Amino acid sequence: MKKAIIISGSIILAVLVVFFSLYFISITPKDTGKFSVDEFVEYIQNPHFQTDKNYGEIADYKSAAKVGKAAIAERFENSEGGLFEWMGCSVQYDAESDAYYIRTYQMFPPVFGGAYDVIIQSDGIVLAIWGEK
């Protein structure tokens, strides 16, 4: 009986370690390469997707992810609450415009919702921010 409990506990612990490891790997910001601001002109020019907020200097894709999540959480705070900290995130950079495109998404979009996006310059000025459920 004691041996069965130890084996069962070990299996459950191993499954939990694997699950949480994969989960935290999936929510870690990923640098997914390049994008072009020109692809998002309709969002940037739309007044509904603009904000006057400046989030300060952005040094790299990890700080871009952090600032992007903060901007999205501030803009959509009533829609998702504290889930923004647990969202997956990908970051792309446009060297020509010196801007980052941050896309956050729920781990299970059909259950929890869709994605939220922000384009922000490296000086912290948000060019556009939008979301879809």
N, C-alpha and C. Protein backbone atom coordinates (compact mmCIF):
# COMPACT_ATOMS: atom_id res chain seq x y z
N MET A 1 0.83 -1.20 0.00
CA MET A 1 0.00 0.00 0.00
C MET A 1 0.87 1.26 0.00
N LYS A 2 1.89 1.25 0.85
CA LYS A 2 2.79 2.40 0.95
C LYS A 2 3.53 2.61 -0.37
N LYS A 3 3.95 1.51 -0.99
CA LYS A 3 4.67 1.56 -2.25
C LYS A 3 3.77 2.12 -3.37
N ALA A 4 2.50 1.75 -3.40
CA ALA A 4 1.56 2.24 -4.40
C ALA A 4 1.34 3.75 -4.25
N ILE A 5 1.28 4.23 -3.02
CA ILE A 5 1.10 5.67 -2.78
C ILE A 5 2.33 6.44 -3.25
N ILE A 6 3.51 5.91 -2.97
CA ILE A 6 4.75 6.57 -3.40
C ILE A 6 4.84 6.61 -4.91
N ILE A 7 4.52 5.51 -5.56
CA ILE A 7 4.56 5.46 -7.03
C ILE A 7 3.53 6.41 -7.62
N SER A 8 2.32 6.41 -7.11
CA SER A 8 1.27 7.30 -7.60
C SER A 8 1.67 8.76 -7.40
N GLY A 9 2.18 9.08 -6.24
CA GLY A 9 2.62 10.45 -5.96
C GLY A 9 3.74 10.88 -6.88
N SER A 10 4.68 9.98 -7.15
CA SER A 10 5.79 10.29 -8.05
C SER A 10 5.30 10.55 -9.47
N ILE A 11 4.36 9.75 -9.92
CA ILE A 11 3.80 9.93 -11.27
C ILE A 11 3.06 11.26 -11.36
N ILE A 12 2.25 11.56 -10.36
CA ILE A 12 1.51 12.83 -10.35
C ILE A 12 2.48 14.01 -10.32
N LEU A 13 3.52 13.92 -9.50
CA LEU A 13 4.51 14.98 -9.42
C LEU A 13 5.23 15.17 -10.75
N ALA A 14 5.60 14.08 -11.40
CA ALA A 14 6.28 14.15 -12.70
C ALA A 14 5.38 14.80 -13.75
N VAL A 15 4.11 14.43 -13.77
CA VAL A 15 3.17 15.02 -14.72
C VAL A 15 3.01 16.52 -14.46
N LEU A 16 2.90 16.91 -13.21
CA LEU A 16 2.78 18.33 -12.87
C LEU A 16 4.02 19.13 -13.26
N VAL A 17 5.19 18.56 -13.02
CA VAL A 17 6.44 19.24 -13.39
C VAL A 17 6.49 19.45 -14.91
N VAL A 18 6.17 18.42 -15.67
CA VAL A 18 6.17 18.53 -17.13
C VAL A 18 5.13 19.56 -17.59
N PHE A 19 3.93 19.50 -17.04
CA PHE A 19 2.86 20.43 -17.42
C PHE A 19 3.27 21.88 -17.16
N PHE A 20 3.73 22.17 -15.95
CA PHE A 20 4.09 23.55 -15.61
C PHE A 20 5.33 24.01 -16.38
N SER A 21 6.26 23.12 -16.65
CA SER A 21 7.42 23.49 -17.45
C SER A 21 7.00 23.90 -18.86
N LEU A 22 6.16 23.10 -19.48
CA LEU A 22 5.68 23.42 -20.82
C LEU A 22 4.85 24.70 -20.81
N TYR A 23 4.05 24.88 -19.78
CA TYR A 23 3.22 26.08 -19.68
C TYR A 23 4.09 27.33 -19.58
N PHE A 24 5.08 27.33 -18.70
CA PHE A 24 5.91 28.52 -18.54
C PHE A 24 6.80 28.76 -19.76
N ILE A 25 7.19 27.72 -20.45
CA ILE A 25 7.92 27.91 -21.70
C ILE A 25 7.02 28.56 -22.73
N SER A 26 5.75 28.18 -22.76
CA SER A 26 4.84 28.73 -23.77
C SER A 26 4.46 30.18 -23.50
N ILE A 27 4.52 30.65 -22.25
CA ILE A 27 4.16 32.05 -21.98
C ILE A 27 5.38 32.96 -21.97
N THR A 28 6.58 32.41 -22.10
CA THR A 28 7.78 33.23 -22.15
C THR A 28 7.77 34.02 -23.46
N PRO A 29 8.06 35.33 -23.40
CA PRO A 29 8.06 36.12 -24.65
C PRO A 29 9.02 35.54 -25.67
N LYS A 30 8.58 35.53 -26.91
CA LYS A 30 9.38 34.98 -27.99
C LYS A 30 9.67 36.08 -29.01
N ASP A 31 10.92 36.17 -29.42
CA ASP A 31 11.30 37.08 -30.49
C ASP A 31 11.02 36.33 -31.79
N THR A 32 9.97 36.72 -32.50
CA THR A 32 9.56 35.97 -33.69
C THR A 32 10.00 36.65 -34.98
N GLY A 33 11.00 37.52 -34.88
CA GLY A 33 11.58 38.07 -36.10
C GLY A 33 11.10 39.46 -36.44
N LYS A 34 10.93 39.69 -37.74
CA LYS A 34 10.65 41.03 -38.25
C LYS A 34 9.20 41.17 -38.67
N PHE A 35 8.76 42.43 -38.73
CA PHE A 35 7.48 42.77 -39.31
C PHE A 35 7.65 44.15 -39.94
N SER A 36 6.65 44.62 -40.62
CA SER A 36 6.69 45.95 -41.21
C SER A 36 5.51 46.76 -40.70
N VAL A 37 5.79 47.95 -40.20
CA VAL A 37 4.73 48.84 -39.72
C VAL A 37 3.75 49.13 -40.85
N ASP A 38 4.23 49.13 -42.08
CA ASP A 38 3.37 49.41 -43.23
C ASP A 38 2.20 48.44 -43.35
N GLU A 39 2.35 47.24 -42.80
CA GLU A 39 1.28 46.24 -42.86
C GLU A 39 0.11 46.61 -41.94
N PHE A 40 0.34 47.54 -41.00
CA PHE A 40 -0.66 47.87 -39.99
C PHE A 40 -1.11 49.33 -40.06
N VAL A 41 -0.98 49.96 -41.22
CA VAL A 41 -1.33 51.37 -41.36
C VAL A 41 -2.79 51.62 -40.99
N GLU A 42 -3.69 50.73 -41.38
CA GLU A 42 -5.11 50.95 -41.07
C GLU A 42 -5.36 50.98 -39.57
N TYR A 43 -4.61 50.22 -38.79
CA TYR A 43 -4.75 50.25 -37.33
C TYR A 43 -4.12 51.53 -36.76
N ILE A 44 -2.96 51.90 -37.27
CA ILE A 44 -2.24 53.07 -36.77
C ILE A 44 -3.02 54.36 -37.04
N GLN A 45 -3.70 54.42 -38.18
CA GLN A 45 -4.45 55.63 -38.54
C GLN A 45 -5.84 55.68 -37.93
N ASN A 46 -6.32 54.57 -37.40
CA ASN A 46 -7.66 54.53 -36.81
C ASN A 46 -7.63 55.15 -35.41
N PRO A 47 -8.38 56.24 -35.17
CA PRO A 47 -8.35 56.91 -33.86
C PRO A 47 -8.81 56.00 -32.71
N HIS A 48 -9.64 55.01 -33.01
CA HIS A 48 -10.11 54.09 -31.97
C HIS A 48 -8.97 53.24 -31.39
N PHE A 49 -7.93 53.02 -32.17
CA PHE A 49 -6.80 52.19 -31.76
C PHE A 49 -5.61 52.99 -31.25
N GLN A 50 -5.78 54.29 -31.09
CA GLN A 50 -4.68 55.13 -30.66
C GLN A 50 -4.79 55.47 -29.17
N THR A 51 -3.66 55.84 -28.58
CA THR A 51 -3.61 56.28 -27.19
C THR A 51 -2.50 57.31 -27.06
N ASP A 52 -2.60 58.16 -26.05
CA ASP A 52 -1.58 59.19 -25.82
C ASP A 52 -0.53 58.73 -24.83
N LYS A 53 -0.65 57.53 -24.33
CA LYS A 53 0.24 57.04 -23.28
C LYS A 53 1.65 56.77 -23.82
N ASN A 54 2.65 57.15 -23.03
CA ASN A 54 4.05 56.85 -23.35
C ASN A 54 4.59 55.97 -22.22
N TYR A 55 5.13 54.82 -22.57
CA TYR A 55 5.59 53.85 -21.59
C TYR A 55 7.10 53.87 -21.36
N GLY A 56 7.80 54.82 -21.93
CA GLY A 56 9.24 54.92 -21.70
C GLY A 56 10.05 54.06 -22.65
N GLU A 57 11.35 54.22 -22.57
CA GLU A 57 12.31 53.57 -23.47
C GLU A 57 12.20 52.04 -23.42
N ILE A 58 12.30 51.43 -24.60
CA ILE A 58 12.27 49.98 -24.73
C ILE A 58 13.62 49.54 -25.29
N ALA A 59 14.31 48.68 -24.55
CA ALA A 59 15.68 48.30 -24.91
C ALA A 59 15.74 47.06 -25.81
N ASP A 60 14.86 46.07 -25.56
CA ASP A 60 14.94 44.82 -26.30
C ASP A 60 13.56 44.17 -26.34
N TYR A 61 13.49 42.98 -26.94
CA TYR A 61 12.19 42.34 -27.11
C TYR A 61 11.56 41.92 -25.78
N LYS A 62 12.37 41.61 -24.78
CA LYS A 62 11.80 41.23 -23.47
C LYS A 62 11.16 42.44 -22.79
N SER A 63 11.80 43.59 -22.85
CA SER A 63 11.19 44.78 -22.27
C SER A 63 10.00 45.23 -23.11
N ALA A 64 10.04 44.98 -24.43
CA ALA A 64 8.89 45.29 -25.28
C ALA A 64 7.69 44.44 -24.88
N ALA A 65 7.92 43.16 -24.58
CA ALA A 65 6.84 42.28 -24.15
C ALA A 65 6.24 42.77 -22.83
N LYS A 66 7.09 43.18 -21.91
CA LYS A 66 6.61 43.67 -20.62
C LYS A 66 5.78 44.95 -20.78
N VAL A 67 6.29 45.88 -21.58
CA VAL A 67 5.57 47.13 -21.81
C VAL A 67 4.28 46.87 -22.59
N GLY A 68 4.35 45.99 -23.59
CA GLY A 68 3.15 45.66 -24.36
C GLY A 68 2.06 45.06 -23.50
N LYS A 69 2.42 44.14 -22.61
CA LYS A 69 1.43 43.54 -21.71
C LYS A 69 0.85 44.59 -20.77
N ALA A 70 1.69 45.50 -20.29
CA ALA A 70 1.21 46.57 -19.41
C ALA A 70 0.22 47.47 -20.15
N ALA A 71 0.54 47.83 -21.39
CA ALA A 71 -0.34 48.69 -22.18
C ALA A 71 -1.67 48.01 -22.46
N ILE A 72 -1.60 46.73 -22.81
CA ILE A 72 -2.82 45.98 -23.10
C ILE A 72 -3.67 45.82 -21.85
N ALA A 73 -3.03 45.50 -20.73
CA ALA A 73 -3.77 45.34 -19.48
C ALA A 73 -4.45 46.64 -19.08
N GLU A 74 -3.75 47.76 -19.28
CA GLU A 74 -4.34 49.06 -18.94
C GLU A 74 -5.51 49.40 -19.84
N ARG A 75 -5.36 49.11 -21.13
CA ARG A 75 -6.41 49.45 -22.09
C ARG A 75 -7.64 48.55 -21.95
N PHE A 76 -7.43 47.27 -21.67
CA PHE A 76 -8.53 46.30 -21.64
C PHE A 76 -8.77 45.74 -20.25
N GLU A 77 -8.45 46.49 -19.21
CA GLU A 77 -8.48 45.97 -17.84
C GLU A 77 -9.83 45.39 -17.44
N ASN A 78 -10.91 45.93 -17.91
CA ASN A 78 -12.23 45.43 -17.49
C ASN A 78 -12.62 44.13 -18.18
N SER A 79 -11.93 43.80 -19.27
CA SER A 79 -12.35 42.62 -20.02
C SER A 79 -11.71 41.33 -19.55
N GLU A 80 -10.49 41.36 -19.00
CA GLU A 80 -9.83 40.11 -18.65
C GLU A 80 -9.24 40.08 -17.25
N GLY A 81 -9.20 41.18 -16.57
CA GLY A 81 -8.67 41.20 -15.21
C GLY A 81 -7.21 40.83 -15.15
N GLY A 82 -6.83 39.95 -14.23
CA GLY A 82 -5.44 39.62 -13.99
C GLY A 82 -4.86 38.58 -14.92
N LEU A 83 -5.59 38.14 -15.92
CA LEU A 83 -5.08 37.10 -16.81
C LEU A 83 -3.96 37.57 -17.71
N PHE A 84 -3.74 38.89 -17.84
CA PHE A 84 -2.72 39.39 -18.75
C PHE A 84 -1.33 38.91 -18.37
N GLU A 85 -1.07 38.71 -17.11
CA GLU A 85 0.24 38.23 -16.69
C GLU A 85 0.49 36.80 -17.16
N TRP A 86 -0.55 36.07 -17.46
CA TRP A 86 -0.41 34.66 -17.81
C TRP A 86 -0.62 34.41 -19.29
N MET A 87 -0.58 35.46 -20.09
CA MET A 87 -0.80 35.30 -21.52
C MET A 87 0.51 34.98 -22.23
N GLY A 88 0.41 34.19 -23.30
CA GLY A 88 1.57 33.98 -24.16
C GLY A 88 1.85 35.26 -24.92
N CYS A 89 3.05 35.40 -25.44
CA CYS A 89 3.43 36.66 -26.06
C CYS A 89 4.48 36.43 -27.14
N SER A 90 4.29 37.08 -28.29
CA SER A 90 5.33 37.07 -29.32
C SER A 90 5.65 38.53 -29.68
N VAL A 91 6.88 38.76 -30.02
CA VAL A 91 7.36 40.12 -30.31
C VAL A 91 8.08 40.11 -31.65
N GLN A 92 7.78 41.11 -32.47
CA GLN A 92 8.48 41.30 -33.73
C GLN A 92 9.01 42.74 -33.76
N TYR A 93 10.07 42.96 -34.51
CA TYR A 93 10.71 44.27 -34.55
C TYR A 93 10.84 44.76 -35.99
N ASP A 94 10.54 46.04 -36.19
CA ASP A 94 10.73 46.70 -37.49
C ASP A 94 11.86 47.70 -37.33
N ALA A 95 13.06 47.36 -37.83
CA ALA A 95 14.24 48.21 -37.67
C ALA A 95 14.08 49.54 -38.41
N GLU A 96 13.40 49.52 -39.53
CA GLU A 96 13.22 50.73 -40.32
C GLU A 96 12.40 51.78 -39.55
N SER A 97 11.35 51.34 -38.87
CA SER A 97 10.50 52.25 -38.10
C SER A 97 10.87 52.29 -36.63
N ASP A 98 11.79 51.44 -36.21
CA ASP A 98 12.20 51.33 -34.81
C ASP A 98 10.99 51.12 -33.90
N ALA A 99 10.18 50.10 -34.29
CA ALA A 99 8.94 49.81 -33.57
C ALA A 99 8.80 48.31 -33.33
N TYR A 100 8.08 47.98 -32.26
CA TYR A 100 7.82 46.59 -31.90
C TYR A 100 6.35 46.28 -32.08
N TYR A 101 6.08 45.06 -32.54
CA TYR A 101 4.71 44.55 -32.62
C TYR A 101 4.61 43.43 -31.59
N ILE A 102 3.77 43.64 -30.59
CA ILE A 102 3.61 42.67 -29.52
C ILE A 102 2.22 42.06 -29.64
N ARG A 103 2.16 40.76 -29.70
CA ARG A 103 0.88 40.04 -29.77
C ARG A 103 0.79 39.14 -28.55
N THR A 104 -0.22 39.37 -27.73
CA THR A 104 -0.46 38.50 -26.59
C THR A 104 -1.69 37.66 -26.89
N TYR A 105 -1.72 36.49 -26.32
CA TYR A 105 -2.82 35.58 -26.61
C TYR A 105 -3.03 34.65 -25.42
N GLN A 106 -4.27 34.26 -25.24
CA GLN A 106 -4.60 33.30 -24.19
C GLN A 106 -4.08 31.93 -24.61
N MET A 107 -3.77 31.12 -23.62
CA MET A 107 -3.25 29.79 -23.92
C MET A 107 -4.30 28.92 -24.61
N PHE A 108 -5.57 29.11 -24.29
CA PHE A 108 -6.66 28.36 -24.89
C PHE A 108 -7.70 29.35 -25.42
N PRO A 109 -7.44 30.00 -26.57
CA PRO A 109 -8.32 31.05 -27.07
C PRO A 109 -9.80 30.70 -27.17
N PRO A 110 -10.18 29.47 -27.57
CA PRO A 110 -11.61 29.20 -27.65
C PRO A 110 -12.33 29.29 -26.29
N VAL A 111 -11.59 29.07 -25.23
CA VAL A 111 -12.19 29.09 -23.89
C VAL A 111 -12.06 30.47 -23.26
N PHE A 112 -10.87 31.07 -23.33
CA PHE A 112 -10.59 32.29 -22.59
C PHE A 112 -10.68 33.57 -23.41
N GLY A 113 -10.69 33.49 -24.72
CA GLY A 113 -10.74 34.71 -25.53
C GLY A 113 -9.69 34.69 -26.62
N GLY A 114 -9.56 35.81 -27.29
CA GLY A 114 -8.69 35.89 -28.44
C GLY A 114 -7.33 36.47 -28.14
N ALA A 115 -6.92 37.42 -28.97
CA ALA A 115 -5.58 37.99 -28.88
C ALA A 115 -5.67 39.51 -28.74
N TYR A 116 -4.61 40.08 -28.21
CA TYR A 116 -4.49 41.52 -28.07
C TYR A 116 -3.16 41.94 -28.67
N ASP A 117 -3.16 43.07 -29.37
CA ASP A 117 -1.99 43.51 -30.10
C ASP A 117 -1.66 44.96 -29.77
N VAL A 118 -0.37 45.27 -29.82
CA VAL A 118 0.09 46.65 -29.65
C VAL A 118 1.33 46.84 -30.52
N ILE A 119 1.37 48.01 -31.16
CA ILE A 119 2.56 48.42 -31.90
C ILE A 119 3.09 49.63 -31.15
N ILE A 120 4.34 49.52 -30.73
CA ILE A 120 4.92 50.56 -29.89
C ILE A 120 6.33 50.87 -30.38
N GLN A 121 6.65 52.16 -30.45
CA GLN A 121 7.99 52.57 -30.85
C GLN A 121 8.96 52.33 -29.70
N SER A 122 10.24 52.26 -30.02
CA SER A 122 11.22 51.99 -28.98
C SER A 122 11.35 53.12 -27.97
N ASP A 123 10.81 54.30 -28.28
CA ASP A 123 10.80 55.39 -27.31
C ASP A 123 9.59 55.31 -26.38
N GLY A 124 8.74 54.30 -26.56
CA GLY A 124 7.61 54.06 -25.67
C GLY A 124 6.29 54.62 -26.13
N ILE A 125 6.24 55.23 -27.29
CA ILE A 125 4.99 55.79 -27.80
C ILE A 125 4.20 54.68 -28.49
N VAL A 126 2.96 54.51 -28.06
CA VAL A 126 2.08 53.50 -28.63
C VAL A 126 1.52 54.03 -29.95
N LEU A 127 1.74 53.28 -31.02
CA LEU A 127 1.20 53.66 -32.33
C LEU A 127 -0.23 53.16 -32.52
N ALA A 128 -0.48 51.94 -32.03
CA ALA A 128 -1.82 51.35 -32.13
C ALA A 128 -1.95 50.23 -31.11
N ILE A 129 -3.17 50.07 -30.62
CA ILE A 129 -3.45 48.99 -29.66
C ILE A 129 -4.87 48.51 -29.91
N TRP A 130 -5.04 47.20 -30.04
CA TRP A 130 -6.36 46.64 -30.32
C TRP A 130 -6.44 45.22 -29.80
N GLY A 131 -7.65 44.71 -29.74
CA GLY A 131 -7.85 43.35 -29.24
C GLY A 131 -9.03 42.70 -29.91
N GLU A 132 -9.05 41.40 -29.88
CA GLU A 132 -10.16 40.64 -30.46
C GLU A 132 -10.48 39.48 -29.56
N LYS A 133 -11.73 39.24 -29.34
CA LYS A 133 -12.13 38.13 -28.47
C LYS A 133 -12.64 36.99 -29.28
